[in-house]
């Protein structure tokens, strides 16, 4: 049965080209069971994850991204990483495309992870650049070109210097976009008009738009901005919340209908969700939204500075605007 389900995915929902990388893709939070009070060896809460996925698909999202940063990829075990990707594919069962997180700051390790993911299903992979070891632009380019050459997978480059201290320059992005396996960029930088990386982002989009390469936002508060620049979608942490995901989907639809005033209003409607999801380092607040433990060294919102105040704010938002999440709480 598992084989037949994945076969359905192969046939009907596989992203193989940049033109299919469009719309709203929640970076799925990985919920955990309360089966280890030390928060070191918790099991994944697959029953909760099933409900989360079903709610997001019902909200109209265009795809899902398991095992990105939001999915606690830095702290799950290697086997949990692969198991959750496989679970997501099986439970989605061809309803929407899936992009798998498979990044590492060691090229060899990332190649190995991608190959293991490809043994589960031939899905695109989201790969981060070299955090901590901080490679040069030449090293960044060779990293991604090696991933392409060694695995043959469709790759989405993740530019997130706020976490990696390693910014991918537009010349490097343009060079990578020439590789037919490198189909997109998740741009998680300040790229709105007047911000530091606006010109870089606009140049990368402009130069690569006819090359089979798509740019999506990694900034939840800038979805309309990336669309106006020629980008094609968003990979979003806030979109884990079905009500927020629905607003992002409506914004995407309104943009492509030319209703730009409505887009601005819808972006404003996401503000409370985005501010709450990022009131602490992602994915800490999502642990509170979904009433889930987090693997150390992350701790709950409640255990951070002024955590009671932040937790109260999140709970109020759930009661007022995210009532689909009430089933995970006993308020």
Protein backbone atom coordinates (compact mmCIF):
# COMPACT_ATOMS: atom_id res chain seq x y z
CA UNK A 1 0.00 0.00 0.00
CA UNK A 2 2.87 2.37 0.85
CA UNK A 3 4.47 1.66 -2.52
CA UNK A 4 1.24 2.40 -4.38
CA UNK A 5 0.78 5.68 -2.52
CA UNK A 6 4.27 6.89 -3.33
CA UNK A 7 3.79 5.74 -6.93
CA UNK A 8 0.73 8.01 -7.13
CA UNK A 9 2.92 10.86 -5.96
CA UNK A 10 5.58 10.05 -8.56
CA UNK A 11 3.02 10.12 -11.34
CA UNK A 12 0.91 13.13 -10.53
CA UNK A 13 2.42 15.57 -8.03
CA UNK A 14 6.18 15.65 -8.49
CA UNK A 15 7.74 19.08 -8.99
CA UNK A 16 10.17 18.72 -11.86
CA UNK A 17 10.42 22.29 -13.14
CA UNK A 18 10.64 25.77 -11.72
CA UNK A 19 7.27 26.69 -13.22
CA UNK A 20 5.66 24.32 -10.69
CA UNK A 21 7.33 26.07 -7.76
CA UNK A 22 4.53 28.57 -7.22
CA UNK A 23 2.10 29.36 -4.45
CA UNK A 24 2.06 28.80 -0.70
CA UNK A 25 4.24 26.09 0.84
CA UNK A 26 4.11 25.78 4.64
CA UNK A 27 7.38 24.62 6.17
CA UNK A 28 5.79 22.01 8.40
CA UNK A 29 6.46 22.11 12.13
CA UNK A 30 7.32 18.65 13.50
CA UNK A 31 5.17 17.99 16.60
CA UNK A 32 6.55 15.78 19.38
CA UNK A 33 5.05 13.56 22.04
CA UNK A 34 5.57 14.26 25.73
CA UNK A 35 7.39 10.97 26.17
CA UNK A 36 10.75 12.32 27.34
CA UNK A 37 10.70 15.07 29.99
CA UNK A 38 14.36 15.79 29.18
CA UNK A 39 13.33 16.85 25.63
CA UNK A 40 16.13 14.83 24.10
CA UNK A 41 14.60 11.62 22.77
CA UNK A 42 10.95 12.46 22.20
CA UNK A 43 8.99 10.57 19.57
CA UNK A 44 7.26 12.38 16.73
CA UNK A 45 3.52 12.86 17.25
CA UNK A 46 2.33 11.43 13.95
CA UNK A 47 -1.36 11.61 14.82
CA UNK A 48 -1.11 15.34 15.42
CA UNK A 49 0.98 15.72 12.26
CA UNK A 50 -1.77 14.01 10.23
CA UNK A 51 -4.32 16.54 11.44
CA UNK A 52 -1.94 19.43 10.78
CA UNK A 53 -1.34 18.28 7.20
CA UNK A 54 -5.04 17.69 6.53
CA UNK A 55 -5.94 21.14 7.84
CA UNK A 56 -3.32 22.82 5.66
CA UNK A 57 -4.42 21.00 2.53
CA UNK A 58 -8.03 21.97 3.34
CA UNK A 59 -6.82 25.58 3.59
CA UNK A 60 -5.71 25.39 -0.03
CA UNK A 61 -1.92 25.35 0.22
CA UNK A 62 -0.01 24.51 -2.93
CA UNK A 63 2.55 22.21 -1.32
CA UNK A 64 4.32 21.22 1.90
CA UNK A 65 7.94 21.32 3.09
CA UNK A 66 8.83 18.80 5.81
CA UNK A 67 12.15 18.91 7.64
CA UNK A 68 13.13 22.50 7.05
CA UNK A 69 14.36 24.65 9.92
CA UNK A 70 10.77 25.03 11.12
CA UNK A 71 10.52 21.24 11.28
CA UNK A 72 13.24 21.02 13.95
CA UNK A 73 15.61 19.56 11.34
CA UNK A 74 18.62 20.68 13.37
CA UNK A 75 17.62 18.54 16.36
CA UNK A 76 15.62 15.52 15.17
CA UNK A 77 17.60 12.32 14.78
CA UNK A 78 18.76 11.31 11.34
CA UNK A 79 16.22 8.49 11.28
CA UNK A 80 13.40 10.79 12.41
CA UNK A 81 14.35 13.18 9.61
CA UNK A 82 13.91 10.49 6.97
CA UNK A 83 10.89 8.91 8.65
CA UNK A 84 9.00 12.19 8.78
CA UNK A 85 9.63 12.89 5.10
CA UNK A 86 8.36 9.39 4.25
CA UNK A 87 5.36 9.83 6.52
CA UNK A 88 4.51 13.17 4.91
CA UNK A 89 4.61 11.68 1.43
CA UNK A 90 2.45 8.73 2.45
CA UNK A 91 -0.12 10.83 4.30
CA UNK A 92 -0.30 13.52 1.63
CA UNK A 93 -0.84 10.71 -0.88
CA UNK A 94 -0.52 12.90 -3.94
CA UNK A 95 -2.85 15.68 -2.80
CA UNK A 96 -0.14 18.38 -3.05
CA UNK A 97 3.56 18.43 -3.97
CA UNK A 98 6.19 17.87 -1.29
CA UNK A 99 9.64 19.46 -1.05
CA UNK A 100 12.01 17.79 1.42
CA UNK A 101 14.51 19.60 3.60
CA UNK A 102 17.91 18.02 3.04
CA UNK A 103 20.54 20.61 3.84
CA UNK A 104 23.81 20.40 5.74
CA UNK A 105 26.93 22.52 6.09
CA UNK A 106 29.02 19.56 4.93
CA UNK A 107 28.67 18.85 1.21
CA UNK A 108 29.30 15.14 1.65
CA UNK A 109 26.63 14.88 4.34
CA UNK A 110 24.12 16.80 2.25
CA UNK A 111 24.79 14.51 -0.73
CA UNK A 112 24.17 11.49 1.49
CA UNK A 113 20.94 12.91 2.91
CA UNK A 114 19.63 13.81 -0.54
CA UNK A 115 20.38 10.31 -1.82
CA UNK A 116 18.50 8.80 1.13
CA UNK A 117 15.55 11.11 0.47
CA UNK A 118 15.59 10.16 -3.21
CA UNK A 119 15.42 6.50 -2.20
CA UNK A 120 12.10 7.34 -0.53
CA UNK A 121 10.75 9.44 -3.42
CA UNK A 122 12.12 11.55 -6.23
CA UNK A 123 11.19 14.90 -4.71
CA UNK A 124 12.84 18.32 -4.88
CA UNK A 125 15.05 19.20 -1.92
CA UNK A 126 15.56 22.45 -0.03
CA UNK A 127 19.23 22.92 0.83
CA UNK A 128 20.82 25.54 3.03
CA UNK A 129 24.27 27.02 2.55
CA UNK A 130 27.25 26.49 4.88
CA UNK A 131 26.36 27.61 8.39
CA UNK A 132 29.19 27.91 10.92
CA UNK A 133 31.99 26.97 8.49
CA UNK A 134 31.05 30.03 6.41
CA UNK A 135 32.35 29.18 2.91
CA UNK A 136 33.34 31.73 0.28
CA UNK A 137 31.10 32.45 -2.70
CA UNK A 138 33.20 30.00 -4.71
CA UNK A 139 32.67 27.37 -2.04
CA UNK A 140 28.92 28.03 -1.94
CA UNK A 141 28.68 27.61 -5.71
CA UNK A 142 30.71 24.41 -5.68
CA UNK A 143 28.60 23.05 -2.81
CA UNK A 144 25.35 23.34 -4.73
CA UNK A 145 26.83 22.30 -8.07
CA UNK A 146 28.22 19.19 -6.39
CA UNK A 147 24.81 18.40 -4.88
CA UNK A 148 23.35 18.63 -8.38
CA UNK A 149 26.10 16.59 -10.01
CA UNK A 150 26.22 13.85 -7.38
CA UNK A 151 22.48 13.36 -6.84
CA UNK A 152 20.61 14.56 -9.92
CA UNK A 153 17.92 15.92 -7.58
CA UNK A 154 15.96 19.09 -8.22
CA UNK A 155 17.37 21.60 -5.76
CA UNK A 156 16.01 24.77 -4.16
CA UNK A 157 18.77 26.94 -2.71
CA UNK A 158 18.02 28.43 0.70
CA UNK A 159 19.59 31.85 1.34
CA UNK A 160 19.14 32.62 5.04
CA UNK A 161 22.13 34.62 6.33
CA UNK A 162 20.30 35.42 9.57
CA UNK A 163 20.89 31.79 10.56
CA UNK A 164 24.01 30.91 8.58
CA UNK A 165 25.97 34.21 8.66
CA UNK A 166 26.58 33.34 5.02
CA UNK A 167 24.93 35.46 2.33
CA UNK A 168 24.62 34.11 -1.21
CA UNK A 169 25.46 36.97 -3.57
CA UNK A 170 23.33 37.52 -6.67
CA UNK A 171 26.21 36.63 -9.01
CA UNK A 172 26.43 33.24 -7.28
CA UNK A 173 22.67 32.75 -7.53
CA UNK A 174 22.74 33.62 -11.23
CA UNK A 175 25.58 31.15 -11.78
CA UNK A 176 23.71 28.39 -9.97
CA UNK A 177 20.52 29.10 -11.91
CA UNK A 178 22.30 27.99 -15.09
CA UNK A 179 22.32 24.41 -13.74
CA UNK A 180 19.10 22.69 -14.90
CA UNK A 181 18.78 20.79 -11.62
CA UNK A 182 18.86 23.97 -9.52
CA UNK A 183 15.31 25.19 -10.00
CA UNK A 184 14.75 27.81 -7.35
CA UNK A 185 15.75 30.03 -4.47
CA UNK A 186 14.15 30.58 -1.08
CA UNK A 187 15.18 34.15 -0.31
CA UNK A 188 15.04 34.83 3.44
CA UNK A 189 16.58 38.31 3.52
CA UNK A 190 15.35 41.88 3.79
CA UNK A 191 14.32 42.47 0.17
CA UNK A 192 11.47 44.98 0.32
CA UNK A 193 11.93 48.36 -1.40
CA UNK A 194 14.50 50.35 0.54
CA UNK A 195 15.84 47.32 2.43
CA UNK A 196 19.40 46.05 2.27
CA UNK A 197 18.93 43.24 -0.23
CA UNK A 198 16.21 44.65 -2.48
CA UNK A 199 18.47 45.36 -5.44
CA UNK A 200 20.27 42.01 -5.16
CA UNK A 201 16.99 40.13 -5.06
CA UNK A 202 15.47 42.10 -7.92
CA UNK A 203 18.57 41.48 -10.02
CA UNK A 204 18.56 37.75 -9.34
CA UNK A 205 14.88 37.50 -10.30
CA UNK A 206 15.32 39.64 -13.40
CA UNK A 207 18.37 37.75 -14.69
CA UNK A 208 17.00 34.24 -14.12
CA UNK A 209 13.32 34.61 -14.95
CA UNK A 210 13.66 32.92 -18.35
CA UNK A 211 16.05 30.19 -17.22
CA UNK A 212 13.70 27.73 -15.53
CA UNK A 213 14.41 29.21 -12.11
CA UNK A 214 11.92 30.53 -9.54
CA UNK A 215 12.41 32.73 -6.48
CA UNK A 216 10.13 32.35 -3.47
CA UNK A 217 9.99 34.37 -0.29
CA UNK A 218 11.36 33.10 2.99
CA UNK A 219 10.06 36.24 4.71
CA UNK A 220 6.46 35.86 5.86
CA UNK A 221 5.88 39.61 6.08
CA UNK A 222 6.99 40.18 2.46
CA UNK A 223 4.88 37.86 0.33
CA UNK A 224 3.27 40.61 -1.75
CA UNK A 225 6.70 42.19 -2.21
CA UNK A 226 8.30 39.11 -3.75
CA UNK A 227 5.32 38.62 -6.06
CA UNK A 228 5.57 42.23 -7.24
CA UNK A 229 9.27 41.66 -7.99
CA UNK A 230 8.52 38.61 -10.14
CA UNK A 231 8.80 35.92 -7.50
CA UNK A 232 6.45 32.96 -7.55
CA UNK A 233 5.53 32.00 -4.00
CA UNK A 234 6.45 31.58 -0.37
CA UNK A 235 7.85 28.90 1.92
CA UNK A 236 6.35 30.00 5.21
CA UNK A 237 6.55 29.16 8.91
CA UNK A 238 3.46 31.21 9.77
CA UNK A 239 1.46 29.21 7.21
CA UNK A 240 1.54 26.24 9.61
CA UNK A 241 -1.51 27.94 11.11
CA UNK A 242 -4.39 27.05 8.78
CA UNK A 243 -6.06 30.43 9.14
CA UNK A 244 -2.81 32.17 8.16
CA UNK A 245 -2.24 29.71 5.31
CA UNK A 246 -5.70 30.52 3.96
CA UNK A 247 -4.89 34.25 3.94
CA UNK A 248 -1.62 33.64 2.09
CA UNK A 249 -3.49 31.53 -0.49
CA UNK A 250 -6.09 34.28 -0.94
CA UNK A 251 -3.28 36.82 -1.38
CA UNK A 252 -1.62 34.68 -4.06
CA UNK A 253 -4.92 34.30 -5.91
CA UNK A 254 -5.74 38.00 -5.65
CA UNK A 255 -2.34 38.96 -7.02
CA UNK A 256 -2.80 36.80 -10.10
CA UNK A 257 -6.25 38.31 -10.62
CA UNK A 258 -4.74 41.79 -10.50
CA UNK A 259 -6.54 42.81 -7.30
CA UNK A 260 -3.52 44.52 -5.75
CA UNK A 261 -5.45 46.55 -3.19
CA UNK A 262 -6.84 43.31 -1.80
CA UNK A 263 -3.30 41.90 -1.68
CA UNK A 264 -2.19 44.74 0.58
CA UNK A 265 -5.17 44.19 2.87
CA UNK A 266 -4.48 40.45 3.05
CA UNK A 267 -0.79 41.00 3.83
CA UNK A 268 -1.94 43.23 6.69
CA UNK A 269 -4.24 40.43 7.89
CA UNK A 270 -1.25 38.11 8.27
CA UNK A 271 0.58 40.52 10.58
CA UNK A 272 -0.70 39.18 13.92
CA UNK A 273 0.16 35.62 12.91
CA UNK A 274 3.63 36.51 11.63
CA UNK A 275 4.50 38.60 14.67
CA UNK A 276 3.40 35.81 17.03
CA UNK A 277 5.21 33.04 15.13
CA UNK A 278 8.40 35.10 15.20
CA UNK A 279 8.08 36.56 18.70
CA UNK A 280 10.88 34.12 19.56
CA UNK A 281 13.29 32.28 17.30
CA UNK A 282 11.38 30.00 14.94
CA UNK A 283 10.18 27.29 15.66
CA UNK A 284 9.89 28.05 19.39
CA UNK A 285 6.48 29.80 19.17
CA UNK A 286 5.06 27.06 16.95
CA UNK A 287 5.72 24.62 19.78
CA UNK A 288 3.27 26.70 21.82
CA UNK A 289 0.77 27.04 18.96
CA UNK A 290 0.67 23.26 18.55
CA UNK A 291 1.15 22.38 22.23
CA UNK A 292 4.29 20.39 21.47
CA UNK A 293 7.64 19.94 23.19
CA UNK A 294 10.80 21.11 21.45
CA UNK A 295 14.12 19.34 21.35
CA UNK A 296 16.87 20.97 23.39
CA UNK A 297 18.57 23.38 23.16
CA UNK A 298 15.25 25.03 22.25
CA UNK A 299 12.90 25.60 25.17
CA UNK A 300 9.24 26.60 25.19
CA UNK A 301 8.12 30.20 24.91
CA UNK A 302 7.01 29.96 28.53
CA UNK A 303 10.60 29.29 29.64
CA UNK A 304 12.11 32.28 27.85
CA UNK A 305 12.50 35.83 29.17
CA UNK A 306 9.02 37.35 29.65
CA UNK A 307 7.69 34.03 28.44
CA UNK A 308 4.41 34.18 30.35
CA UNK A 309 3.45 37.33 28.50
CA UNK A 310 4.34 35.84 25.10
CA UNK A 311 2.51 32.59 25.83
CA UNK A 312 -0.61 34.52 26.86
CA UNK A 313 -0.44 36.46 23.60
CA UNK A 314 -0.22 33.27 21.55
CA UNK A 315 -3.10 31.64 23.42
CA UNK A 316 -5.24 34.73 22.86
CA UNK A 317 -4.47 34.65 19.14
CA UNK A 318 -5.51 31.00 19.01
CA UNK A 319 -8.81 31.76 20.73
CA UNK A 320 -9.50 34.84 18.59
CA UNK A 321 -8.10 34.05 15.14
CA UNK A 322 -6.73 30.50 14.98
CA UNK A 323 -9.55 28.43 16.36
CA UNK A 324 -8.58 25.41 14.26
CA UNK A 325 -5.77 24.94 16.80
CA UNK A 326 -8.07 24.80 19.85
CA UNK A 327 -8.21 21.01 19.47
CA UNK A 328 -4.57 20.86 20.59
CA UNK A 329 -5.23 22.77 23.84
CA UNK A 330 -7.28 22.61 27.00
CA UNK A 331 -7.95 26.29 27.63
